[in-house]
Amino acid sequence: MQTRIISSGYQAIVVAMRFLPVATGIPLRRTALAAATSALLGLGAGAAFAVETTFVGFTNGCFGLACVPVANAAPSSISLGGLSYTNSVFNLTSAGGFAAIGSAPGAQNFNNLGSFTLTGDPFTYTGSHFDLLASFTAPPGTTPPGSVLVTKLSGIVAGIGNGGVFIDFDNTPKHFTFGSGATAGSFDFFVNDLSITAGRAGAVSGTILPTAAVPEPATYALFLAGLAALGFMAQRRTNDRSGAARMLV
């Protein structure tokens, strides 16, 4: 499932509506301008979220500076000291173009970006690194198919409930595109930081946000044709009034 997120390119259209009276020499009523603008905004808003997008994918990770996670949807776990990462799969649908990937950790993670479990084994994590790979298999044609997010670890564990780890992700949004033509779309994706107390587990969460797509030329052409028709009707009405005034003189 997917949707086209209509961009707010209405500014250009509003400018065109403002200049229409100059081009035709005819002042349009403010009520007509307001009605036309409201209709356009309503149409765009209705079309933007008529159909939502389903995001499907999985995550993998690795410990080490500049390590390269291997893309594999099968369940897997890796460890550094007493810190373990278990990968995840996700399959969720947006609402209004927005999707949150942040379910609680489980024996087999689902709808999160994996989970970390921290034991009470003494270990110093400051200066260590972890790389997270998020791979998207849907929507179809997602480009790039995946993105690696570099992470820095900090913290010290001395025992259960004594110390912890801060997992500092690169929170810069990653941009993705998908589909082509009428099915084209795009979204931004970022991951949240995570803190874990020794003896606990926590899920990695992320957010998907819609990004504006440029309307197709046909969209502008259709609206401009409507503006032209509006100008023609206004011109005709003015001519009719002028003709009637001359007949009364």
C-alpha atoms as a PDB file:
ATOM      1  CA  MET A   1       0.000   0.000   0.000  1.00  0.00           C
ATOM      2  CA  GLN A   2       1.275   3.459  -0.716  1.00  0.00           C
ATOM      3  CA  THR A   3       0.276   7.075  -1.023  1.00  0.00           C
ATOM      4  CA  ARG A   4       1.498  10.161  -2.814  1.00  0.00           C
ATOM      5  CA  ILE A   5       2.150  12.958  -0.334  1.00  0.00           C
ATOM      6  CA  ILE A   6       0.998  16.113  -2.090  1.00  0.00           C
ATOM      7  CA  SER A   7       3.435  18.994  -1.612  1.00  0.00           C
ATOM      8  CA  SER A   8       2.344  22.396  -0.478  1.00  0.00           C
ATOM      9  CA  GLY A   9       3.108  23.954  -3.844  1.00  0.00           C
ATOM     10  CA  TYR A  10      -0.014  25.987  -3.410  1.00  0.00           C
ATOM     11  CA  GLN A  11       2.050  29.139  -2.996  1.00  0.00           C
ATOM     12  CA  ALA A  12       2.758  29.265  -6.712  1.00  0.00           C
ATOM     13  CA  ILE A  13      -0.931  28.793  -7.455  1.00  0.00           C
ATOM     14  CA  VAL A  14      -1.952  31.516  -5.033  1.00  0.00           C
ATOM     15  CA  VAL A  15       0.552  33.853  -6.703  1.00  0.00           C
ATOM     16  CA  ALA A  16      -0.993  33.002 -10.070  1.00  0.00           C
ATOM     17  CA  MET A  17      -4.440  33.805  -8.690  1.00  0.00           C
ATOM     18  CA  ARG A  18      -3.193  37.174  -7.440  1.00  0.00           C
ATOM     19  CA  PHE A  19      -1.781  38.061 -10.837  1.00  0.00           C
ATOM     20  CA  LEU A  20      -4.836  36.916 -12.766  1.00  0.00           C
ATOM     21  CA  PRO A  21      -6.639  40.257 -12.276  1.00  0.00           C
ATOM     22  CA  VAL A  22      -3.568  42.072 -13.611  1.00  0.00           C
ATOM     23  CA  ALA A  23      -3.382  39.872 -16.690  1.00  0.00           C
ATOM     24  CA  THR A  24      -7.093  40.158 -17.493  1.00  0.00           C
ATOM     25  CA  GLY A  25      -7.735  43.642 -16.163  1.00  0.00           C
ATOM     26  CA  ILE A  26     -10.608  42.227 -14.134  1.00  0.00           C
ATOM     27  CA  PRO A  27     -10.750  42.300 -10.331  1.00  0.00           C
ATOM     28  CA  LEU A  28     -11.908  38.932  -9.011  1.00  0.00           C
ATOM     29  CA  ARG A  29     -14.098  38.843  -5.943  1.00  0.00           C
ATOM     30  CA  ARG A  30     -12.335  37.887  -2.728  1.00  0.00           C
ATOM     31  CA  THR A  31     -15.009  35.300  -2.081  1.00  0.00           C
ATOM     32  CA  ALA A  32     -14.201  33.610  -5.387  1.00  0.00           C
ATOM     33  CA  LEU A  33     -10.498  33.584  -4.572  1.00  0.00           C
ATOM     34  CA  ALA A  34     -11.162  32.159  -1.123  1.00  0.00           C
ATOM     35  CA  ALA A  35     -13.487  29.503  -2.497  1.00  0.00           C
ATOM     36  CA  ALA A  36     -11.011  28.431  -5.151  1.00  0.00           C
ATOM     37  CA  THR A  37      -8.141  28.293  -2.664  1.00  0.00           C
ATOM     38  CA  SER A  38     -10.199  26.357  -0.109  1.00  0.00           C
ATOM     39  CA  ALA A  39     -11.308  23.875  -2.738  1.00  0.00           C
ATOM     40  CA  LEU A  40      -7.730  23.299  -3.854  1.00  0.00           C
ATOM     41  CA  LEU A  41      -6.431  22.841  -0.321  1.00  0.00           C
ATOM     42  CA  GLY A  42      -9.265  20.479   0.505  1.00  0.00           C
ATOM     43  CA  LEU A  43      -8.648  18.433  -2.613  1.00  0.00           C
ATOM     44  CA  GLY A  44      -4.919  18.213  -1.884  1.00  0.00           C
ATOM     45  CA  ALA A  45      -5.442  17.273   1.753  1.00  0.00           C
ATOM     46  CA  GLY A  46      -7.945  14.575   0.844  1.00  0.00           C
ATOM     47  CA  ALA A  47      -5.696  13.093  -1.818  1.00  0.00           C
ATOM     48  CA  ALA A  48      -2.560  13.216   0.321  1.00  0.00           C
ATOM     49  CA  PHE A  49      -3.677  10.680   2.900  1.00  0.00           C
ATOM     50  CA  ALA A  50      -6.347   8.744   1.021  1.00  0.00           C
ATOM     51  CA  VAL A  51      -4.053   5.680   0.933  1.00  0.00           C
ATOM     52  CA  GLU A  52      -1.270   4.996   3.423  1.00  0.00           C
ATOM     53  CA  THR A  53       2.079   3.232   3.032  1.00  0.00           C
ATOM     54  CA  THR A  54       3.106  -0.145   4.434  1.00  0.00           C
ATOM     55  CA  PHE A  55       6.754  -0.427   5.501  1.00  0.00           C
ATOM     56  CA  VAL A  56       8.353  -3.869   5.692  1.00  0.00           C
ATOM     57  CA  GLY A  57      11.941  -4.662   6.578  1.00  0.00           C
ATOM     58  CA  PHE A  58      14.439  -5.938   9.113  1.00  0.00           C
ATOM     59  CA  THR A  59      17.515  -4.857  11.054  1.00  0.00           C
ATOM     60  CA  ASN A  60      20.995  -6.181  11.763  1.00  0.00           C
ATOM     61  CA  GLY A  61      23.939  -4.914  13.741  1.00  0.00           C
ATOM     62  CA  CYS A  62      27.617  -5.356  14.539  1.00  0.00           C
ATOM     63  CA  PHE A  63      30.018  -4.173  17.233  1.00  0.00           C
ATOM     64  CA  GLY A  64      33.239  -2.479  16.210  1.00  0.00           C
ATOM     65  CA  LEU A  65      34.524   0.685  14.567  1.00  0.00           C
ATOM     66  CA  ALA A  66      33.495   0.824  10.869  1.00  0.00           C
ATOM     67  CA  CYS A  67      32.102  -2.713  11.005  1.00  0.00           C
ATOM     68  CA  VAL A  68      29.661  -3.761   8.250  1.00  0.00           C
ATOM     69  CA  PRO A  69      26.411  -5.477   9.349  1.00  0.00           C
ATOM     70  CA  VAL A  70      25.297  -8.396   7.176  1.00  0.00           C
ATOM     71  CA  ALA A  71      21.730  -8.029   5.874  1.00  0.00           C
ATOM     72  CA  ASN A  72      19.773 -11.074   7.038  1.00  0.00           C
ATOM     73  CA  ALA A  73      16.162 -11.221   8.211  1.00  0.00           C
ATOM     74  CA  ALA A  74      16.722 -14.450  10.192  1.00  0.00           C
ATOM     75  CA  PRO A  75      16.852 -14.063  13.991  1.00  0.00           C
ATOM     76  CA  SER A  76      20.382 -13.399  15.251  1.00  0.00           C
ATOM     77  CA  SER A  77      22.229 -11.979  18.262  1.00  0.00           C
ATOM     78  CA  ILE A  78      25.687 -10.498  18.836  1.00  0.00           C
ATOM     79  CA  SER A  79      27.477  -9.453  22.026  1.00  0.00           C
ATOM     80  CA  LEU A  80      30.118  -7.133  23.431  1.00  0.00           C
ATOM     81  CA  GLY A  81      30.950  -7.752  27.083  1.00  0.00           C
ATOM     82  CA  GLY A  82      27.580  -8.095  28.788  1.00  0.00           C
ATOM     83  CA  LEU A  83      25.722  -6.097  26.104  1.00  0.00           C
ATOM     84  CA  SER A  84      23.790  -8.145  23.530  1.00  0.00           C
ATOM     85  CA  TYR A  85      21.896  -6.980  20.444  1.00  0.00           C
ATOM     86  CA  THR A  86      19.088  -9.051  18.882  1.00  0.00           C
ATOM     87  CA  ASN A  87      17.807  -8.081  15.440  1.00  0.00           C
ATOM     88  CA  SER A  88      14.179  -7.521  14.432  1.00  0.00           C
ATOM     89  CA  VAL A  89      11.667  -7.525  11.589  1.00  0.00           C
ATOM     90  CA  PHE A  90       8.927  -4.944  11.084  1.00  0.00           C
ATOM     91  CA  ASN A  91       5.697  -4.680   9.104  1.00  0.00           C
ATOM     92  CA  LEU A  92       3.552  -1.631   9.817  1.00  0.00           C
ATOM     93  CA  THR A  93       1.364   0.911   8.054  1.00  0.00           C
ATOM     94  CA  SER A  94       1.535   4.677   8.341  1.00  0.00           C
ATOM     95  CA  ALA A  95      -1.246   7.005   9.467  1.00  0.00           C
ATOM     96  CA  GLY A  96      -1.197  10.436   7.890  1.00  0.00           C
ATOM     97  CA  GLY A  97       2.182   9.500   6.440  1.00  0.00           C
ATOM     98  CA  PHE A  98       3.664   8.949   9.931  1.00  0.00           C
ATOM     99  CA  ALA A  99       4.895   5.622  11.325  1.00  0.00           C
ATOM    100  CA  ALA A 100       6.635   4.790  14.602  1.00  0.00           C
ATOM    101  CA  ILE A 101       8.753   1.642  14.908  1.00  0.00           C
ATOM    102  CA  GLY A 102       8.997   1.138  18.652  1.00  0.00           C
ATOM    103  CA  SER A 103       7.321  -1.977  20.063  1.00  0.00           C
ATOM    104  CA  ALA A 104       8.644  -3.514  23.289  1.00  0.00           C
ATOM    105  CA  PRO A 105      11.431  -6.122  23.088  1.00  0.00           C
ATOM    106  CA  GLY A 106      10.454  -9.781  22.885  1.00  0.00           C
ATOM    107  CA  ALA A 107      11.888 -13.254  22.544  1.00  0.00           C
ATOM    108  CA  GLN A 108      11.695 -12.600  18.808  1.00  0.00           C
ATOM    109  CA  ASN A 109      11.548  -8.890  18.130  1.00  0.00           C
ATOM    110  CA  PHE A 110       8.764  -7.492  15.948  1.00  0.00           C
ATOM    111  CA  ASN A 111       7.975  -3.904  14.937  1.00  0.00           C
ATOM    112  CA  ASN A 112      11.012  -2.416  16.583  1.00  0.00           C
ATOM    113  CA  LEU A 113      14.582  -1.951  15.337  1.00  0.00           C
ATOM    114  CA  GLY A 114      16.047  -4.678  17.513  1.00  0.00           C
ATOM    115  CA  SER A 115      16.765  -4.794  21.221  1.00  0.00           C
ATOM    116  CA  PHE A 116      19.707  -4.581  23.627  1.00  0.00           C
ATOM    117  CA  THR A 117      20.073  -6.650  26.790  1.00  0.00           C
ATOM    118  CA  LEU A 118      22.631  -5.611  29.411  1.00  0.00           C
ATOM    119  CA  THR A 119      23.880  -8.010  32.103  1.00  0.00           C
ATOM    120  CA  GLY A 120      25.622  -7.066  35.333  1.00  0.00           C
ATOM    121  CA  ASP A 121      29.004  -8.343  34.149  1.00  0.00           C
ATOM    122  CA  PRO A 122      31.634  -5.656  34.860  1.00  0.00           C
ATOM    123  CA  PHE A 123      32.686  -3.953  31.640  1.00  0.00           C
ATOM    124  CA  THR A 124      33.668  -0.522  30.330  1.00  0.00           C
ATOM    125  CA  TYR A 125      31.756   0.399  27.158  1.00  0.00           C
ATOM    126  CA  THR A 126      32.958   3.974  26.660  1.00  0.00           C
ATOM    127  CA  GLY A 127      34.766   4.294  23.341  1.00  0.00           C
ATOM    128  CA  SER A 128      33.100   1.236  21.760  1.00  0.00           C
ATOM    129  CA  HIS A 129      31.004   1.379  18.585  1.00  0.00           C
ATOM    130  CA  PHE A 130      27.910  -0.302  17.179  1.00  0.00           C
ATOM    131  CA  ASP A 131      26.518  -0.047  13.639  1.00  0.00           C
ATOM    132  CA  LEU A 132      22.830  -0.618  12.895  1.00  0.00           C
ATOM    133  CA  LEU A 133      21.615  -1.618   9.421  1.00  0.00           C
ATOM    134  CA  ALA A 134      17.943  -0.969   8.652  1.00  0.00           C
ATOM    135  CA  SER A 135      16.791  -2.688   5.443  1.00  0.00           C
ATOM    136  CA  PHE A 136      13.474  -1.917   3.687  1.00  0.00           C
ATOM    137  CA  THR A 137      11.845  -4.548   1.451  1.00  0.00           C
ATOM    138  CA  ALA A 138       8.634  -2.528   1.055  1.00  0.00           C
ATOM    139  CA  PRO A 139       7.371  -0.228  -0.291  1.00  0.00           C
ATOM    140  CA  PRO A 140       8.604  -1.742  -3.581  1.00  0.00           C
ATOM    141  CA  GLY A 141      11.587  -0.025  -5.151  1.00  0.00           C
ATOM    142  CA  THR A 142      12.803   1.634  -1.939  1.00  0.00           C
ATOM    143  CA  THR A 143      16.103   3.376  -2.689  1.00  0.00           C
ATOM    144  CA  PRO A 144      18.520   2.956  -1.061  1.00  0.00           C
ATOM    145  CA  PRO A 145      17.302  -0.472   0.133  1.00  0.00           C
ATOM    146  CA  GLY A 146      19.009   0.062   3.474  1.00  0.00           C
ATOM    147  CA  SER A 147      20.931   2.521   5.638  1.00  0.00           C
ATOM    148  CA  VAL A 148      23.721   2.045   8.186  1.00  0.00           C
ATOM    149  CA  LEU A 149      23.536   4.184  11.306  1.00  0.00           C
ATOM    150  CA  VAL A 150      26.779   4.619  13.233  1.00  0.00           C
ATOM    151  CA  THR A 151      26.565   4.488  17.008  1.00  0.00           C
ATOM    152  CA  LYS A 152      28.867   5.387  19.887  1.00  0.00           C
ATOM    153  CA  LEU A 153      28.648   3.600  23.213  1.00  0.00           C
ATOM    154  CA  SER A 154      29.429   5.046  26.612  1.00  0.00           C
ATOM    155  CA  GLY A 155      29.029   3.786  30.157  1.00  0.00           C
ATOM    156  CA  ILE A 156      30.410   1.420  32.755  1.00  0.00           C
ATOM    157  CA  VAL A 157      28.784  -1.575  34.431  1.00  0.00           C
ATOM    158  CA  ALA A 158      29.910  -2.772  37.871  1.00  0.00           C
ATOM    159  CA  GLY A 159      26.993  -5.107  38.666  1.00  0.00           C
ATOM    160  CA  ILE A 160      23.221  -5.608  38.423  1.00  0.00           C
ATOM    161  CA  GLY A 161      21.581  -2.206  38.836  1.00  0.00           C
ATOM    162  CA  ASN A 162      25.019  -0.650  39.139  1.00  0.00           C
ATOM    163  CA  GLY A 163      25.888   1.362  36.012  1.00  0.00           C
ATOM    164  CA  GLY A 164      24.560   1.212  32.492  1.00  0.00           C
ATOM    165  CA  VAL A 165      25.116   2.001  28.833  1.00  0.00           C
ATOM    166  CA  PHE A 166      24.127   4.957  26.674  1.00  0.00           C
ATOM    167  CA  ILE A 167      23.713   4.076  22.987  1.00  0.00           C
ATOM    168  CA  ASP A 168      24.167   7.285  21.023  1.00  0.00           C
ATOM    169  CA  PHE A 169      22.843   6.862  17.469  1.00  0.00           C
ATOM    170  CA  ASP A 170      23.433   9.194  14.580  1.00  0.00           C
ATOM    171  CA  ASN A 171      19.981  10.812  14.580  1.00  0.00           C
ATOM    172  CA  THR A 172      20.367  12.499  11.190  1.00  0.00           C
ATOM    173  CA  PRO A 173      17.266  11.635   9.099  1.00  0.00           C
ATOM    174  CA  LYS A 174      17.991   9.292   6.192  1.00  0.00           C
ATOM    175  CA  HIS A 175      16.085   9.954   2.975  1.00  0.00           C
ATOM    176  CA  PHE A 176      14.454   7.203   0.914  1.00  0.00           C
ATOM    177  CA  THR A 177      12.452   7.162  -2.322  1.00  0.00           C
ATOM    178  CA  PHE A 178      10.242   4.451  -3.773  1.00  0.00           C
ATOM    179  CA  GLY A 179       8.155   3.610  -6.827  1.00  0.00           C
ATOM    180  CA  SER A 180       7.932   5.606 -10.037  1.00  0.00           C
ATOM    181  CA  GLY A 181       5.371   7.708 -11.886  1.00  0.00           C
ATOM    182  CA  ALA A 182       1.964   7.633 -10.193  1.00  0.00           C
ATOM    183  CA  THR A 183       3.280   5.308  -7.442  1.00  0.00           C
ATOM    184  CA  ALA A 184       6.351   7.395  -6.566  1.00  0.00           C
ATOM    185  CA  GLY A 185       6.885   8.632  -3.026  1.00  0.00           C
ATOM    186  CA  SER A 186       9.536   9.362  -0.432  1.00  0.00           C
ATOM    187  CA  PHE A 187      10.089   9.352   3.318  1.00  0.00           C
ATOM    188  CA  ASP A 188      12.652  10.238   5.985  1.00  0.00           C
ATOM    189  CA  PHE A 189      13.762   7.792   8.664  1.00  0.00           C
ATOM    190  CA  PHE A 190      15.710   8.326  11.896  1.00  0.00           C
ATOM    191  CA  VAL A 191      16.611   6.318  15.014  1.00  0.00           C
ATOM    192  CA  ASN A 192      16.309   7.368  18.655  1.00  0.00           C
ATOM    193  CA  ASP A 193      19.038   7.071  21.296  1.00  0.00           C
ATOM    194  CA  LEU A 194      18.731   4.464  24.039  1.00  0.00           C
ATOM    195  CA  SER A 195      19.868   4.145  27.667  1.00  0.00           C
ATOM    196  CA  ILE A 196      19.912   0.766  29.435  1.00  0.00           C
ATOM    197  CA  THR A 197      20.362  -0.038  33.108  1.00  0.00           C
ATOM    198  CA  ALA A 198      22.470  -3.071  33.986  1.00  0.00           C
ATOM    199  CA  GLY A 199      20.188  -6.100  34.263  1.00  0.00           C
ATOM    200  CA  ARG A 200      17.572  -4.694  31.867  1.00  0.00           C
ATOM    201  CA  ALA A 201      16.621  -4.771  28.188  1.00  0.00           C
ATOM    202  CA  GLY A 202      15.414  -2.052  25.847  1.00  0.00           C
ATOM    203  CA  ALA A 203      14.146  -1.845  22.280  1.00  0.00           C
ATOM    204  CA  VAL A 204      15.614   0.438  19.625  1.00  0.00           C
ATOM    205  CA  SER A 205      12.946   2.714  18.177  1.00  0.00           C
ATOM    206  CA  GLY A 206      12.704   4.869  15.081  1.00  0.00           C
ATOM    207  CA  THR A 207      10.382   7.183  13.205  1.00  0.00           C
ATOM    208  CA  ILE A 208       9.239   7.438   9.580  1.00  0.00           C
ATOM    209  CA  LEU A 209       8.103  10.846   8.353  1.00  0.00           C
ATOM    210  CA  PRO A 210       6.534  11.751   4.981  1.00  0.00           C
ATOM    211  CA  THR A 211       8.362  14.150   2.723  1.00  0.00           C
ATOM    212  CA  ALA A 212       6.775  16.466   0.167  1.00  0.00           C
ATOM    213  CA  ALA A 213       6.716  15.284  -3.419  1.00  0.00           C
ATOM    214  CA  VAL A 214       6.688  17.712  -6.341  1.00  0.00           C
ATOM    215  CA  PRO A 215       3.270  17.675  -8.030  1.00  0.00           C
ATOM    216  CA  GLU A 216       3.201  16.379 -11.582  1.00  0.00           C
ATOM    217  CA  PRO A 217       2.965  18.984 -14.388  1.00  0.00           C
ATOM    218  CA  ALA A 218      -0.539  17.745 -15.191  1.00  0.00           C
ATOM    219  CA  THR A 219      -1.692  18.936 -11.760  1.00  0.00           C
ATOM    220  CA  TYR A 220      -0.553  22.482 -12.425  1.00  0.00           C
ATOM    221  CA  ALA A 221      -1.817  22.368 -16.012  1.00  0.00           C
ATOM    222  CA  LEU A 222      -5.299  21.378 -14.861  1.00  0.00           C
ATOM    223  CA  PHE A 223      -5.485  24.152 -12.289  1.00  0.00           C
ATOM    224  CA  LEU A 224      -4.099  26.787 -14.645  1.00  0.00           C
ATOM    225  CA  ALA A 225      -6.698  25.730 -17.212  1.00  0.00           C
ATOM    226  CA  GLY A 226      -9.317  26.384 -14.562  1.00  0.00           C
ATOM    227  CA  LEU A 227      -7.847  29.817 -13.881  1.00  0.00           C
ATOM    228  CA  ALA A 228      -7.938  30.590 -17.586  1.00  0.00           C
ATOM    229  CA  ALA A 229     -11.592  29.560 -17.759  1.00  0.00           C
ATOM    230  CA  LEU A 230     -12.338  31.742 -14.737  1.00  0.00           C
ATOM    231  CA  GLY A 231     -10.642  34.709 -16.411  1.00  0.00           C
ATOM    232  CA  PHE A 232     -12.561  34.114 -19.639  1.00  0.00           C
ATOM    233  CA  MET A 233     -15.893  34.019 -17.807  1.00  0.00           C
ATOM    234  CA  ALA A 234     -15.044  37.202 -15.912  1.00  0.00           C
ATOM    235  CA  GLN A 235     -14.005  38.945 -19.155  1.00  0.00           C
ATOM    236  CA  ARG A 236     -17.210  37.880 -20.845  1.00  0.00           C
ATOM    237  CA  ARG A 237     -19.330  39.157 -17.969  1.00  0.00           C
ATOM    238  CA  THR A 238     -17.530  42.513 -18.095  1.00  0.00           C
ATOM    239  CA  ASN A 239     -18.067  42.781 -21.856  1.00  0.00           C
ATOM    240  CA  ASP A 240     -21.766  42.005 -21.445  1.00  0.00           C
ATOM    241  CA  ARG A 241     -22.090  44.717 -18.822  1.00  0.00           C
ATOM    242  CA  SER A 242     -20.235  47.233 -21.015  1.00  0.00           C
ATOM    243  CA  GLY A 243     -22.500  46.413 -23.960  1.00  0.00           C
ATOM    244  CA  ALA A 244     -25.601  46.857 -21.858  1.00  0.00           C
ATOM    245  CA  ALA A 245     -24.308  50.181 -20.541  1.00  0.00           C
ATOM    246  CA  ARG A 246     -23.715  51.493 -24.101  1.00  0.00           C
ATOM    247  CA  MET A 247     -27.247  50.504 -25.102  1.00  0.00           C
ATOM    248  CA  LEU A 248     -28.621  52.580 -22.211  1.00  0.00           C
ATOM    249  CA  VAL A 249     -26.653  55.683 -23.226  1.00  0.00           C
END
